[in-house]
Each structure stands twice: as C-alpha cells, then as structure tokens.
Amino acid sequence: MPSRYNCIYLCRIDQIEYWKKRLELQNYAIYKIEIYDEPFKSRDILLPKPHESYNSICKKTKIYWQYNNSKNFEDDEYLYEGKFKILDKI
C-alpha cells in the first residue's frame, strides 16, 4: 500500500471542484499528469475522525485500506507512488 505521507494525491477531472472546497486551500496548483502504474483508490469518507473510538478507528481503517469498488464517487481519493509525467498546468 502507498504511504499517505510519501505519496501524491490524485483525483479525476470531475472531482476538482469537490476537492478545492473540501481542502479549503487558498494557494494551489493543479496539474494534469500521466501515471504509469495503478493508483490506490479509496474514499475520503472512510477515513476515521480523531474523536471516534479506538474500535471505530480500527474498523474504518481496515475498510479504507481494503476498499474495492469500481463505481466513481465524488469523494474518491487516489494515492500514488511512482513515476509520472506532467502534461499540463490547469
């Protein structure tokens, strides 16, 4: 599994507005890239919140890392460790 600390976070073009609002960033750059390996896909909604119980955090963490769904959701997140090529700045 990719390291959430060392990876880059990717999203589909149709998710850009969602993530701009969700992350509440003022200064950012968005790039269109080409990747050469499969990214890890999960959902932001599955990340545990700090106020949750230990048991709930363990359960949600397991679900997050074992996520396997081919449907696309607005809160999908893609983690990627690997080579990529920058195609364009959006």
N, C-alpha and C. Protein backbone atom coordinates (compact mmCIF):
# COMPACT_ATOMS: atom_id res chain seq x y z
N MET A 1 0.84 -1.19 0.00
CA MET A 1 0.00 0.00 0.00
C MET A 1 0.88 1.25 0.00
N PRO A 2 0.41 2.30 -0.63
CA PRO A 2 1.19 3.53 -0.63
C PRO A 2 1.18 4.18 0.75
N SER A 3 2.20 4.93 1.02
CA SER A 3 2.27 5.69 2.26
C SER A 3 1.51 7.00 2.08
N ARG A 4 0.56 7.28 2.95
CA ARG A 4 -0.18 8.54 2.85
C ARG A 4 0.75 9.73 3.09
N TYR A 5 1.89 9.47 3.70
CA TYR A 5 2.87 10.52 3.98
C TYR A 5 3.74 10.82 2.77
N ASN A 6 4.08 9.81 1.98
CA ASN A 6 5.03 9.96 0.88
C ASN A 6 4.41 9.98 -0.51
N CYS A 7 3.13 9.76 -0.63
CA CYS A 7 2.51 9.65 -1.94
C CYS A 7 2.06 11.03 -2.45
N ILE A 8 1.59 11.03 -3.69
CA ILE A 8 0.87 12.19 -4.18
C ILE A 8 -0.60 11.80 -4.22
N TYR A 9 -1.45 12.79 -4.06
CA TYR A 9 -2.88 12.58 -4.08
C TYR A 9 -3.40 12.98 -5.44
N LEU A 10 -4.21 12.12 -6.04
CA LEU A 10 -4.76 12.37 -7.36
C LEU A 10 -6.28 12.41 -7.30
N CYS A 11 -6.86 13.05 -8.29
CA CYS A 11 -8.31 12.99 -8.44
C CYS A 11 -8.64 13.05 -9.92
N ARG A 12 -9.85 12.67 -10.23
CA ARG A 12 -10.32 12.77 -11.60
C ARG A 12 -10.67 14.24 -11.90
N ILE A 13 -10.72 14.59 -13.15
CA ILE A 13 -11.02 15.97 -13.55
C ILE A 13 -12.38 16.41 -13.02
N ASP A 14 -13.35 15.49 -12.95
CA ASP A 14 -14.69 15.84 -12.47
C ASP A 14 -14.76 16.03 -10.96
N GLN A 15 -13.66 15.80 -10.26
CA GLN A 15 -13.63 15.96 -8.81
C GLN A 15 -12.94 17.24 -8.36
N ILE A 16 -12.38 18.00 -9.25
CA ILE A 16 -11.55 19.14 -8.86
C ILE A 16 -12.31 20.12 -7.97
N GLU A 17 -13.51 20.48 -8.33
CA GLU A 17 -14.27 21.45 -7.52
C GLU A 17 -14.57 20.89 -6.13
N TYR A 18 -14.91 19.61 -6.05
CA TYR A 18 -15.16 18.98 -4.75
C TYR A 18 -13.93 19.12 -3.85
N TRP A 19 -12.76 18.75 -4.38
CA TRP A 19 -11.55 18.77 -3.55
C TRP A 19 -11.08 20.18 -3.23
N LYS A 20 -11.30 21.14 -4.11
CA LYS A 20 -10.95 22.52 -3.79
C LYS A 20 -11.77 23.00 -2.60
N LYS A 21 -13.05 22.69 -2.58
CA LYS A 21 -13.92 23.07 -1.45
C LYS A 21 -13.56 22.29 -0.19
N ARG A 22 -13.34 21.00 -0.34
CA ARG A 22 -13.07 20.12 0.81
C ARG A 22 -11.78 20.49 1.52
N LEU A 23 -10.75 20.81 0.75
CA LEU A 23 -9.44 21.11 1.33
C LEU A 23 -9.30 22.57 1.76
N GLU A 24 -10.20 23.42 1.30
CA GLU A 24 -10.20 24.83 1.66
C GLU A 24 -8.84 25.49 1.47
N LEU A 25 -8.25 25.25 0.32
CA LEU A 25 -6.94 25.80 0.02
C LEU A 25 -7.07 27.15 -0.68
N GLN A 26 -6.19 28.07 -0.34
CA GLN A 26 -6.17 29.37 -0.98
C GLN A 26 -5.15 29.40 -2.13
N ASN A 27 -3.99 28.81 -1.87
CA ASN A 27 -2.94 28.77 -2.87
C ASN A 27 -2.71 27.32 -3.27
N TYR A 28 -2.87 27.04 -4.54
CA TYR A 28 -2.69 25.67 -5.01
C TYR A 28 -2.38 25.70 -6.50
N ALA A 29 -1.87 24.60 -6.97
CA ALA A 29 -1.65 24.40 -8.40
C ALA A 29 -2.22 23.04 -8.75
N ILE A 30 -2.87 22.96 -9.89
CA ILE A 30 -3.46 21.71 -10.35
C ILE A 30 -2.79 21.34 -11.66
N TYR A 31 -2.34 20.10 -11.74
CA TYR A 31 -1.65 19.61 -12.93
C TYR A 31 -2.36 18.40 -13.50
N LYS A 32 -2.39 18.33 -14.80
CA LYS A 32 -2.84 17.12 -15.48
C LYS A 32 -1.59 16.27 -15.66
N ILE A 33 -1.65 15.02 -15.20
CA ILE A 33 -0.47 14.16 -15.28
C ILE A 33 -0.80 12.83 -15.93
N GLU A 34 0.24 12.16 -16.36
CA GLU A 34 0.13 10.79 -16.87
C GLU A 34 0.86 9.90 -15.87
N ILE A 35 0.18 8.84 -15.42
CA ILE A 35 0.81 7.92 -14.48
C ILE A 35 1.06 6.59 -15.19
N TYR A 36 2.00 5.83 -14.65
CA TYR A 36 2.43 4.60 -15.33
C TYR A 36 2.03 3.33 -14.58
N ASP A 37 1.54 3.46 -13.37
CA ASP A 37 1.07 2.33 -12.58
C ASP A 37 -0.32 2.65 -12.06
N GLU A 38 -0.98 1.64 -11.51
CA GLU A 38 -2.30 1.84 -10.94
C GLU A 38 -2.20 2.57 -9.60
N PRO A 39 -3.00 3.60 -9.40
CA PRO A 39 -3.03 4.24 -8.08
C PRO A 39 -3.90 3.42 -7.12
N PHE A 40 -3.72 3.64 -5.85
CA PHE A 40 -4.60 3.05 -4.84
C PHE A 40 -5.83 3.94 -4.76
N LYS A 41 -7.02 3.34 -4.78
CA LYS A 41 -8.27 4.09 -4.71
C LYS A 41 -9.02 3.75 -3.43
N SER A 42 -9.47 4.78 -2.75
CA SER A 42 -10.35 4.61 -1.61
C SER A 42 -11.27 5.82 -1.56
N ARG A 43 -11.90 6.05 -0.41
CA ARG A 43 -12.81 7.19 -0.29
C ARG A 43 -12.50 7.99 0.95
N ASP A 44 -12.56 9.28 0.80
CA ASP A 44 -12.31 10.21 1.90
C ASP A 44 -13.27 9.95 3.07
N ILE A 45 -14.49 9.60 2.77
CA ILE A 45 -15.50 9.37 3.80
C ILE A 45 -15.12 8.21 4.74
N LEU A 46 -14.24 7.34 4.28
CA LEU A 46 -13.84 6.18 5.09
C LEU A 46 -12.71 6.48 6.08
N LEU A 47 -12.12 7.66 5.99
CA LEU A 47 -11.06 8.00 6.95
C LEU A 47 -11.65 8.25 8.32
N PRO A 48 -11.06 7.66 9.35
CA PRO A 48 -11.58 7.88 10.70
C PRO A 48 -11.37 9.32 11.16
N LYS A 49 -12.25 9.77 12.01
CA LYS A 49 -12.16 11.11 12.60
C LYS A 49 -11.47 11.00 13.96
N PRO A 50 -10.74 12.01 14.36
CA PRO A 50 -9.99 11.95 15.64
C PRO A 50 -10.85 11.69 16.87
N HIS A 51 -12.10 12.11 16.85
CA HIS A 51 -12.97 11.94 18.02
C HIS A 51 -13.61 10.54 18.12
N GLU A 52 -13.40 9.70 17.12
CA GLU A 52 -14.01 8.37 17.14
C GLU A 52 -13.31 7.45 18.13
N SER A 53 -14.02 6.43 18.53
CA SER A 53 -13.46 5.45 19.47
C SER A 53 -12.34 4.66 18.80
N TYR A 54 -11.50 4.06 19.59
CA TYR A 54 -10.40 3.26 19.08
C TYR A 54 -10.92 2.13 18.19
N ASN A 55 -11.97 1.45 18.65
CA ASN A 55 -12.55 0.34 17.88
C ASN A 55 -13.10 0.83 16.54
N SER A 56 -13.74 1.97 16.54
CA SER A 56 -14.28 2.53 15.30
C SER A 56 -13.15 2.92 14.35
N ILE A 57 -12.10 3.51 14.88
CA ILE A 57 -10.95 3.88 14.06
C ILE A 57 -10.33 2.64 13.42
N CYS A 58 -10.15 1.58 14.19
CA CYS A 58 -9.58 0.34 13.66
C CYS A 58 -10.46 -0.23 12.55
N LYS A 59 -11.76 -0.24 12.76
CA LYS A 59 -12.69 -0.79 11.78
C LYS A 59 -12.67 0.03 10.49
N LYS A 60 -12.75 1.37 10.62
CA LYS A 60 -12.77 2.22 9.44
C LYS A 60 -11.44 2.18 8.69
N THR A 61 -10.35 2.07 9.42
CA THR A 61 -9.04 1.99 8.78
C THR A 61 -8.94 0.74 7.92
N LYS A 62 -9.41 -0.37 8.45
CA LYS A 62 -9.39 -1.63 7.70
C LYS A 62 -10.24 -1.52 6.44
N ILE A 63 -11.43 -0.93 6.57
CA ILE A 63 -12.31 -0.75 5.41
C ILE A 63 -11.65 0.17 4.38
N TYR A 64 -11.01 1.24 4.84
CA TYR A 64 -10.34 2.18 3.94
C TYR A 64 -9.30 1.47 3.08
N TRP A 65 -8.43 0.69 3.73
CA TRP A 65 -7.32 0.06 3.02
C TRP A 65 -7.75 -1.17 2.20
N GLN A 66 -8.92 -1.73 2.48
CA GLN A 66 -9.41 -2.87 1.71
C GLN A 66 -10.48 -2.48 0.70
N TYR A 67 -10.70 -1.20 0.55
CA TYR A 67 -11.74 -0.70 -0.35
C TYR A 67 -11.54 -1.23 -1.76
N ASN A 68 -12.62 -1.69 -2.36
CA ASN A 68 -12.55 -2.22 -3.72
C ASN A 68 -13.90 -2.00 -4.38
N ASN A 69 -14.04 -0.89 -5.09
CA ASN A 69 -15.29 -0.56 -5.73
C ASN A 69 -14.99 0.13 -7.05
N SER A 70 -15.58 -0.33 -8.12
CA SER A 70 -15.31 0.25 -9.43
C SER A 70 -16.20 1.47 -9.71
N LYS A 71 -17.20 1.72 -8.89
CA LYS A 71 -18.04 2.91 -9.08
C LYS A 71 -17.24 4.15 -8.72
N ASN A 72 -17.59 5.26 -9.35
CA ASN A 72 -16.94 6.53 -9.05
C ASN A 72 -17.82 7.38 -8.15
N PHE A 73 -17.22 7.89 -7.08
CA PHE A 73 -17.90 8.77 -6.15
C PHE A 73 -17.14 10.09 -6.09
N GLU A 74 -17.84 11.14 -5.70
CA GLU A 74 -17.22 12.46 -5.64
C GLU A 74 -16.05 12.50 -4.66
N ASP A 75 -16.13 11.74 -3.58
CA ASP A 75 -15.08 11.78 -2.56
C ASP A 75 -14.01 10.70 -2.75
N ASP A 76 -13.95 10.08 -3.92
CA ASP A 76 -12.86 9.13 -4.18
C ASP A 76 -11.53 9.84 -4.01
N GLU A 77 -10.57 9.13 -3.48
CA GLU A 77 -9.21 9.67 -3.44
C GLU A 77 -8.27 8.61 -3.97
N TYR A 78 -7.26 9.07 -4.64
CA TYR A 78 -6.29 8.20 -5.27
C TYR A 78 -4.92 8.53 -4.70
N LEU A 79 -4.24 7.51 -4.20
CA LEU A 79 -2.89 7.68 -3.67
C LEU A 79 -1.94 7.03 -4.66
N TYR A 80 -0.84 7.73 -4.95
CA TYR A 80 0.06 7.22 -5.98
C TYR A 80 1.52 7.41 -5.57
N GLU A 81 2.26 6.33 -5.66
CA GLU A 81 3.71 6.35 -5.51
C GLU A 81 4.28 5.75 -6.78
N GLY A 82 5.00 6.53 -7.51
CA GLY A 82 5.56 6.03 -8.75
C GLY A 82 5.92 7.17 -9.68
N LYS A 83 6.37 6.79 -10.84
CA LYS A 83 6.76 7.78 -11.83
C LYS A 83 5.52 8.34 -12.51
N PHE A 84 5.62 9.62 -12.86
CA PHE A 84 4.53 10.26 -13.60
C PHE A 84 5.12 11.37 -14.46
N LYS A 85 4.34 11.79 -15.42
CA LYS A 85 4.75 12.84 -16.34
C LYS A 85 3.73 13.98 -16.25
N ILE A 86 4.21 15.20 -16.06
CA ILE A 86 3.33 16.36 -16.04
C ILE A 86 2.99 16.73 -17.48
N LEU A 87 1.69 16.78 -17.79
CA LEU A 87 1.24 17.08 -19.14
C LEU A 87 0.86 18.55 -19.31
N ASP A 88 0.24 19.12 -18.27
CA ASP A 88 -0.26 20.48 -18.39
C ASP A 88 -0.58 21.04 -17.01
N LYS A 89 -0.47 22.34 -16.86
CA LYS A 89 -0.94 23.01 -15.65
C LYS A 89 -2.34 23.52 -15.93
N ILE A 90 -3.28 23.16 -15.09
CA ILE A 90 -4.69 23.54 -15.29
C ILE A 90 -4.96 24.85 -14.57
